[in-house]
Protein backbone atom coordinates (compact mmCIF):
# COMPACT_ATOMS: atom_id res chain seq x y z
CA MET A 1 0.00 0.00 0.00
CA GLN A 2 1.27 3.48 -0.75
CA THR A 3 0.47 7.12 -0.26
CA ILE A 4 1.75 9.42 -3.00
CA ILE A 5 2.89 12.97 -2.31
CA ASN A 6 3.71 15.11 -5.33
CA SER A 7 6.65 17.46 -4.92
CA GLU A 8 4.49 20.51 -5.64
CA ALA A 9 2.48 19.83 -2.50
CA VAL A 10 5.47 19.73 -0.15
CA ASP A 11 6.67 22.68 1.95
CA HIS A 12 10.19 23.18 0.56
CA ASP A 13 11.22 25.62 3.30
CA ARG A 14 10.72 23.32 6.24
CA ARG A 15 13.86 22.60 8.27
CA PHE A 16 15.66 19.28 8.06
CA LEU A 17 14.39 16.93 10.75
CA LEU A 18 15.42 13.42 11.54
CA GLY A 19 12.62 10.90 11.47
CA ILE A 20 11.23 10.01 14.84
CA GLY A 21 12.38 6.44 15.37
CA ALA A 22 12.70 6.30 19.16
CA ALA A 23 9.21 4.93 19.59
CA ALA A 24 9.87 2.19 17.06
CA VAL A 25 13.12 1.34 18.83
CA ALA A 26 11.35 1.12 22.16
CA MET A 27 8.68 -1.15 20.67
CA ALA A 28 11.32 -3.44 19.24
CA GLN A 29 13.18 -3.60 22.54
CA LEU A 30 9.96 -4.46 24.35
CA GLY A 31 9.10 -7.14 21.81
CA ALA A 32 6.02 -5.35 20.54
CA VAL A 33 6.11 -6.63 16.97
CA ARG A 34 3.40 -6.88 14.37
CA PRO A 35 2.21 -10.38 13.45
CA ALA A 36 3.99 -11.70 10.35
CA SER A 37 0.69 -12.61 8.73
CA ALA A 38 -0.52 -9.02 8.87
CA GLN A 39 2.42 -7.73 6.84
CA ALA A 40 2.17 -10.62 4.41
CA GLU A 41 -1.37 -9.64 3.51
CA THR A 42 -0.18 -6.58 1.59
CA HIS A 43 3.52 -7.30 0.90
CA THR A 44 4.26 -10.62 -0.76
CA THR A 45 7.51 -12.33 -1.68
CA THR A 46 8.37 -14.58 -4.63
CA GLY A 47 9.65 -17.40 -2.43
CA ARG A 48 13.12 -17.27 -3.95
CA THR A 49 16.10 -17.77 -1.65
CA SER A 50 19.02 -17.20 -4.03
CA PHE A 51 20.01 -15.61 -7.32
CA PRO A 52 20.36 -17.94 -10.32
CA SER A 53 24.04 -17.06 -10.69
CA LEU A 54 26.70 -14.61 -9.57
CA LYS A 55 29.39 -13.04 -11.72
CA GLN A 56 32.66 -11.16 -11.13
CA VAL A 57 34.11 -8.24 -13.06
CA GLU A 58 37.17 -6.08 -12.52
CA ALA A 59 36.06 -2.48 -12.08
CA GLY A 60 38.34 0.28 -10.78
CA PRO A 61 40.18 -1.00 -7.67
CA LEU A 62 37.79 -3.90 -7.21
CA SER A 63 36.68 -7.26 -8.47
CA ILE A 64 32.96 -6.76 -8.01
CA GLY A 65 30.60 -9.65 -7.40
CA TYR A 66 27.13 -9.12 -8.80
CA ALA A 67 23.89 -10.75 -9.85
CA ASP A 68 22.75 -10.15 -13.43
CA GLU A 69 19.17 -11.02 -14.42
CA GLY A 70 16.82 -10.25 -17.25
CA PRO A 71 17.41 -9.72 -20.97
CA ALA A 72 20.91 -8.54 -21.89
CA ASP A 73 19.45 -5.80 -24.09
CA GLY A 74 16.95 -4.58 -21.49
CA GLN A 75 17.08 -1.16 -19.84
CA PRO A 76 19.78 -1.55 -17.13
CA VAL A 77 18.77 -1.12 -13.51
CA ILE A 78 21.42 -1.09 -10.79
CA LEU A 79 20.15 -2.01 -7.32
CA LEU A 80 22.36 -0.96 -4.40
CA HIS A 81 22.10 -2.49 -0.94
CA GLY A 82 22.82 -0.95 2.44
CA TRP A 83 24.55 -1.84 5.69
CA PRO A 84 24.28 -4.30 7.37
CA TYR A 85 22.57 -5.98 4.44
CA ASP A 86 23.54 -7.44 1.08
CA ILE A 87 22.28 -8.26 -2.41
CA HIS A 88 19.54 -10.49 -0.99
CA SER A 89 17.71 -7.26 -0.16
CA TYR A 90 16.59 -7.51 -3.81
CA ILE A 91 15.88 -11.23 -4.00
CA ASP A 92 12.20 -10.49 -4.69
CA VAL A 93 12.67 -7.22 -6.59
CA ALA A 94 15.04 -8.54 -9.27
CA PRO A 95 12.73 -11.21 -10.77
CA ARG A 96 9.84 -8.76 -10.96
CA LEU A 97 11.97 -6.31 -12.94
CA ALA A 98 13.50 -9.02 -15.10
CA GLU A 99 10.04 -10.25 -15.99
CA ALA A 100 9.15 -6.69 -16.99
CA GLY A 101 12.07 -6.67 -19.44
CA TYR A 102 14.80 -4.93 -17.44
CA ARG A 103 18.40 -6.01 -17.13
CA VAL A 104 18.94 -6.05 -13.37
CA ILE A 105 22.43 -5.64 -11.89
CA VAL A 106 22.78 -6.18 -8.13
CA PRO A 107 26.38 -5.66 -6.96
CA TYR A 108 27.95 -6.37 -3.61
CA LEU A 109 29.26 -3.09 -2.23
CA ARG A 110 32.94 -2.95 -1.31
CA GLY A 111 33.53 -4.92 1.88
CA HIS A 112 30.61 -7.27 1.22
CA GLY A 113 30.14 -10.69 -0.32
CA THR A 114 32.41 -11.65 -3.18
CA THR A 115 33.59 -8.11 -3.93
CA ARG A 116 37.35 -7.90 -3.35
CA PHE A 117 40.12 -5.34 -3.68
CA LEU A 118 42.54 -6.14 -6.49
CA SER A 119 45.55 -4.96 -4.48
CA ASP A 120 46.49 -5.56 -0.85
CA SER A 121 47.95 -2.05 -0.76
CA THR A 122 44.69 -0.25 -1.64
CA VAL A 123 43.25 1.76 1.24
CA ARG A 124 40.14 0.10 2.65
CA ASN A 125 38.15 3.27 2.20
CA GLY A 126 34.43 3.53 2.94
CA GLN A 127 33.88 7.22 2.18
CA GLN A 128 30.83 8.14 0.11
CA ALA A 129 32.66 9.32 -3.02
CA ALA A 130 34.55 6.04 -3.27
CA LEU A 131 31.31 4.06 -3.26
CA GLY A 132 29.84 6.35 -5.89
CA LEU A 133 32.82 5.86 -8.18
CA ASP A 134 32.53 2.09 -7.71
CA VAL A 135 29.17 2.22 -9.48
CA ILE A 136 30.58 4.25 -12.39
CA ALA A 137 33.49 1.83 -12.67
CA LEU A 138 31.06 -1.09 -12.70
CA MET A 139 28.99 0.54 -15.45
CA ASP A 140 32.13 1.14 -17.49
CA ALA A 141 33.28 -2.46 -17.02
CA LEU A 142 29.88 -3.77 -18.13
CA GLU A 143 29.68 -1.22 -20.99
CA ILE A 144 26.48 0.29 -19.56
CA LYS A 145 26.15 3.88 -20.74
CA ARG A 146 23.04 4.81 -18.78
CA ALA A 147 21.12 3.07 -16.03
CA ILE A 148 18.31 3.51 -13.58
CA VAL A 149 19.89 3.52 -10.12
CA ALA A 150 18.04 2.58 -6.96
CA GLY A 151 18.88 1.86 -3.36
CA TYR A 152 18.35 2.27 0.36
CA ASP A 153 20.67 3.11 3.27
CA TRP A 154 24.28 3.18 1.94
CA GLY A 155 22.81 2.21 -1.41
CA ALA A 156 20.45 5.20 -1.51
CA ARG A 157 23.30 7.57 -0.70
CA THR A 158 25.39 5.98 -3.44
CA ALA A 159 22.52 6.25 -5.93
CA ASN A 160 22.11 9.92 -4.96
CA ILE A 161 25.80 10.53 -5.65
CA VAL A 162 25.66 8.90 -9.08
CA ALA A 163 22.55 10.89 -10.00
CA ALA A 164 23.98 14.18 -8.72
CA LEU A 165 27.54 13.96 -10.09
CA TRP A 166 27.01 11.91 -13.26
CA PRO A 167 23.45 12.71 -14.42
CA ASP A 168 24.34 11.70 -17.99
CA ARG A 169 24.90 8.14 -16.72
CA CYS A 170 21.61 8.03 -14.80
CA LYS A 171 18.25 7.73 -16.56
CA ALA A 172 16.22 7.88 -13.34
CA MET A 173 16.48 7.09 -9.64
CA VAL A 174 14.54 5.46 -6.81
CA SER A 175 15.80 6.36 -3.34
CA VAL A 176 14.54 5.19 0.05
CA SER A 177 14.58 8.02 2.60
CA GLY A 178 15.23 10.55 -0.11
CA TYR A 179 18.36 12.68 -0.22
CA LEU A 180 21.23 11.29 1.84
CA ILE A 181 24.33 13.02 0.46
CA GLY A 182 26.32 14.40 3.37
CA SER A 183 29.62 16.00 4.29
CA GLN A 184 32.06 15.97 7.16
CA GLU A 185 31.39 19.66 7.75
CA ALA A 186 27.64 19.15 8.05
CA ASN A 187 28.17 16.18 10.34
CA ARG A 188 30.06 18.36 12.82
CA ALA A 189 26.81 20.02 13.87
CA PRO A 190 25.30 18.37 16.98
CA LEU A 191 21.76 17.02 16.86
CA PRO A 192 19.10 17.05 19.59
CA PRO A 193 19.68 14.28 22.16
CA LYS A 194 16.88 12.03 20.90
CA ALA A 195 18.31 12.16 17.38
CA GLU A 196 21.84 11.52 18.64
CA LEU A 197 20.55 8.44 20.46
CA GLN A 198 19.58 6.87 17.14
CA TRP A 199 23.19 7.11 15.97
CA TRP A 200 24.57 5.18 18.95
CA TYR A 201 26.44 2.72 16.73
CA GLN A 202 28.23 5.53 14.89
CA TYR A 203 29.79 6.66 18.16
CA TYR A 204 30.50 3.07 19.19
CA PHE A 205 32.40 2.57 15.94
CA ALA A 206 34.44 5.70 16.69
CA THR A 207 36.20 3.77 19.46
CA GLU A 208 38.66 0.89 19.27
CA ARG A 209 36.34 -0.99 21.62
CA GLY A 210 33.65 -0.56 18.96
CA ARG A 211 35.86 -1.90 16.19
CA ALA A 212 36.78 -4.93 18.30
CA GLY A 213 33.16 -5.44 19.31
CA TYR A 214 31.87 -5.32 15.75
CA ALA A 215 34.61 -7.71 14.58
CA LYS A 216 33.76 -10.16 17.39
CA TYR A 217 29.97 -9.92 17.28
CA THR A 218 29.33 -9.04 13.63
CA ASP A 219 26.22 -11.20 13.20
CA ASP A 220 24.72 -10.27 16.57
CA PHE A 221 25.32 -6.61 15.83
CA ALA A 222 23.77 -6.82 12.38
CA LYS A 223 20.72 -8.69 13.63
CA LEU A 224 20.15 -6.03 16.31
CA ILE A 225 20.28 -3.31 13.66
CA TRP A 226 17.76 -5.23 11.54
CA GLN A 227 15.41 -5.50 14.52
CA LEU A 228 15.69 -1.85 15.51
CA ALA A 229 15.48 -0.50 11.97
CA SER A 230 12.52 -2.69 10.98
CA PRO A 231 10.58 -3.39 14.19
CA HIS A 232 7.65 -5.05 12.38
CA TRP A 233 9.65 -7.19 9.96
CA ASN A 234 9.45 -10.78 11.16
CA PHE A 235 12.41 -12.15 9.21
CA ASP A 236 13.45 -15.72 9.99
CA ASP A 237 16.91 -17.08 10.80
CA ALA A 238 17.46 -18.36 7.26
CA THR A 239 16.72 -14.93 5.76
CA PHE A 240 19.22 -13.27 8.07
CA ALA A 241 21.86 -15.97 7.53
CA ARG A 242 21.78 -15.48 3.75
CA SER A 243 22.77 -11.83 4.17
CA ALA A 244 25.12 -12.43 7.11
CA ALA A 245 27.28 -14.60 4.86
CA ALA A 246 28.25 -11.40 3.02
CA PHE A 247 29.86 -10.04 6.18
CA ARG A 248 32.57 -12.74 6.03
CA ASN A 249 34.34 -10.54 3.49
CA PRO A 250 37.91 -9.93 4.74
CA ASP A 251 37.51 -6.16 4.30
CA HIS A 252 34.05 -5.86 5.84
CA VAL A 253 35.00 -4.53 9.26
CA ASP A 254 37.57 -2.10 7.86
CA ILE A 255 35.09 -0.65 5.34
CA VAL A 256 32.26 -0.28 7.86
CA ILE A 257 34.43 1.32 10.53
CA HIS A 258 36.08 3.69 8.06
CA ASN A 259 32.70 4.71 6.63
CA TYR A 260 31.34 5.87 9.97
CA ARG A 261 34.59 7.37 11.24
CA TRP A 262 35.01 9.30 8.01
CA ARG A 263 31.54 10.78 8.38
CA LEU A 264 32.50 12.25 11.76
CA GLY A 265 35.85 13.50 10.53
CA LEU A 266 37.69 10.94 12.66
CA ALA A 267 39.30 9.18 9.69
CA GLU A 268 41.00 10.64 6.64
CA GLY A 269 39.70 10.07 3.15
CA GLU A 270 41.88 9.74 0.07
CA HIS A 271 43.00 12.86 -1.79
CA GLN A 272 41.88 11.43 -5.11
CA TYR A 273 38.29 11.96 -3.94
CA ASP A 274 38.76 15.51 -2.59
CA GLN A 275 37.18 17.30 -5.55
CA LEU A 276 34.19 14.97 -5.59
CA GLU A 277 33.69 15.42 -1.85
CA LYS A 278 33.88 19.19 -2.29
CA ARG A 279 31.05 19.01 -4.81
CA LEU A 280 29.03 16.68 -2.59
CA ALA A 281 29.53 18.96 0.42
CA GLY A 282 27.60 21.61 -1.50
CA ALA A 283 24.51 19.34 -1.45
CA PRO A 284 24.04 19.38 -5.25
CA GLU A 285 20.55 19.17 -6.70
CA ILE A 286 19.44 16.00 -8.42
CA LYS A 287 17.91 16.72 -11.81
CA VAL A 288 17.12 13.20 -13.02
CA PRO A 289 13.54 11.87 -12.64
CA THR A 290 13.16 10.53 -9.13
CA ILE A 291 10.76 8.66 -6.88
CA THR A 292 11.60 8.64 -3.17
CA LEU A 293 10.14 6.04 -0.84
CA GLU A 294 9.67 5.76 2.91
CA GLY A 295 8.31 2.98 5.06
CA ASP A 296 5.75 3.90 7.69
CA ALA A 297 7.69 1.99 10.39
CA ASN A 298 11.30 2.95 9.60
CA GLY A 299 13.16 2.73 12.90
CA ALA A 300 16.48 3.96 11.51
CA PRO A 301 17.54 7.62 11.42
CA HIS A 302 15.97 9.27 8.39
CA PRO A 303 14.93 12.77 7.27
CA GLN A 304 11.36 13.88 6.79
CA PRO A 305 10.27 14.05 3.12
CA SER A 306 9.63 17.79 3.38
CA ALA A 307 13.29 18.30 4.27
CA TYR A 308 14.61 16.98 0.97
CA ALA A 309 11.87 17.54 -1.63
CA SER A 310 13.53 20.73 -2.89
CA LYS A 311 16.74 18.81 -3.68
CA PHE A 312 15.01 17.15 -6.65
CA SER A 313 14.60 19.62 -9.48
CA GLY A 314 13.44 17.14 -12.12
CA LYS A 315 10.14 15.30 -12.21
CA TYR A 316 9.67 14.01 -8.70
CA GLU A 317 7.27 12.05 -6.54
CA HIS A 318 7.35 10.77 -2.96
CA ARG A 319 5.58 7.61 -1.81
CA LEU A 320 4.88 6.46 1.72
CA ILE A 321 4.71 2.66 1.88
CA THR A 322 2.35 1.53 4.61
CA GLY A 323 1.73 -1.76 6.37
CA GLY A 324 4.48 -1.74 9.01
CA ILE A 325 7.34 -1.35 6.52
CA GLY A 326 10.72 -0.56 8.01
CA HIS A 327 14.18 0.41 6.86
CA ALA A 328 14.90 -2.57 4.56
CA LEU A 329 12.09 -1.47 2.25
CA PRO A 330 13.08 -3.45 -0.89
CA GLN A 331 13.02 -6.70 1.06
CA GLU A 332 9.96 -5.87 3.14
CA ALA A 333 7.88 -4.41 0.28
CA PRO A 334 9.48 -5.70 -2.94
CA GLU A 335 6.45 -5.14 -5.14
CA ASP A 336 6.28 -1.45 -4.17
CA PHE A 337 9.99 -0.99 -4.80
CA ALA A 338 9.82 -2.70 -8.19
CA LYS A 339 6.75 -0.67 -9.16
CA ALA A 340 8.56 2.57 -8.30
CA ILE A 341 11.36 1.65 -10.70
CA ILE A 342 8.94 0.77 -13.50
CA ASP A 343 7.00 3.97 -12.88
CA VAL A 344 10.01 6.31 -12.72
CA ASP A 345 11.23 4.85 -16.01
CA LYS A 346 8.08 6.37 -17.59
CA PHE A 347 8.63 9.87 -16.19
């Protein structure tokens, strides 16, 4: 189920506010979850548990592992996952798009799954510009001139970056939680205490205790994030285990820790990305056709739609997906996510 808000109807001057997730967190901690059957009534899955095949391609500093479905000559769609998740976030989205005639590319982000660095000497860098360039390098390696990009969490931010910096390579975009491009300068500003509470893991990762803790309890940590971010998603152990396998990547901890430390200015980036980060720090507008999505039960930190509507200067639409949908929207509401991609392609 969805509620559509056209950009013209949104107050563009409203201040940026983080989404109120404390109540959802409290519900999850108290075990107040929605029955699985209730969510299943409106959000169905295909029953698939794996992709037909995985491929590898050398792209930039990486050998990127990716799923590739649908006709080879179809309109390319690149689906980008978040943290702590993996390509199985799109296990039910990909076949819907492939059936509709799209070529669907689902890559493992750096530090996840079968994606590996080509050189041991390459910095294990998780900064936003590096992830954005990974997508461009992947498109170049696969000889894809122009694609629809879509994602959530880290994947939404990466899709935003591709759309903002390389609009000629991006036909359209679908982004969960809207506009997520940030900067170290902006991240220096303190938030109200309730908002800071939602970022507890970011501050944990800023410490060596946090690095050691994440390395030791990776699966437990990830499962807790899933539960807090999607308090009504009744995923089973097998579903979690499929994604948790991606965290066995030898660079996973380094990439995750660097990503969050870089955001707070506690870790250096690489100079080769300085000019891109300077452009991103200016919060560039996104001109490509865009649909943004939000789940009505997103327990992760997220901005209100009114805070980012003005960042999209092309044809734009926002959709609220109802039915207890949390942060992992493509996996919790795959039909709505796939429909957004098909619809934005017609803009």
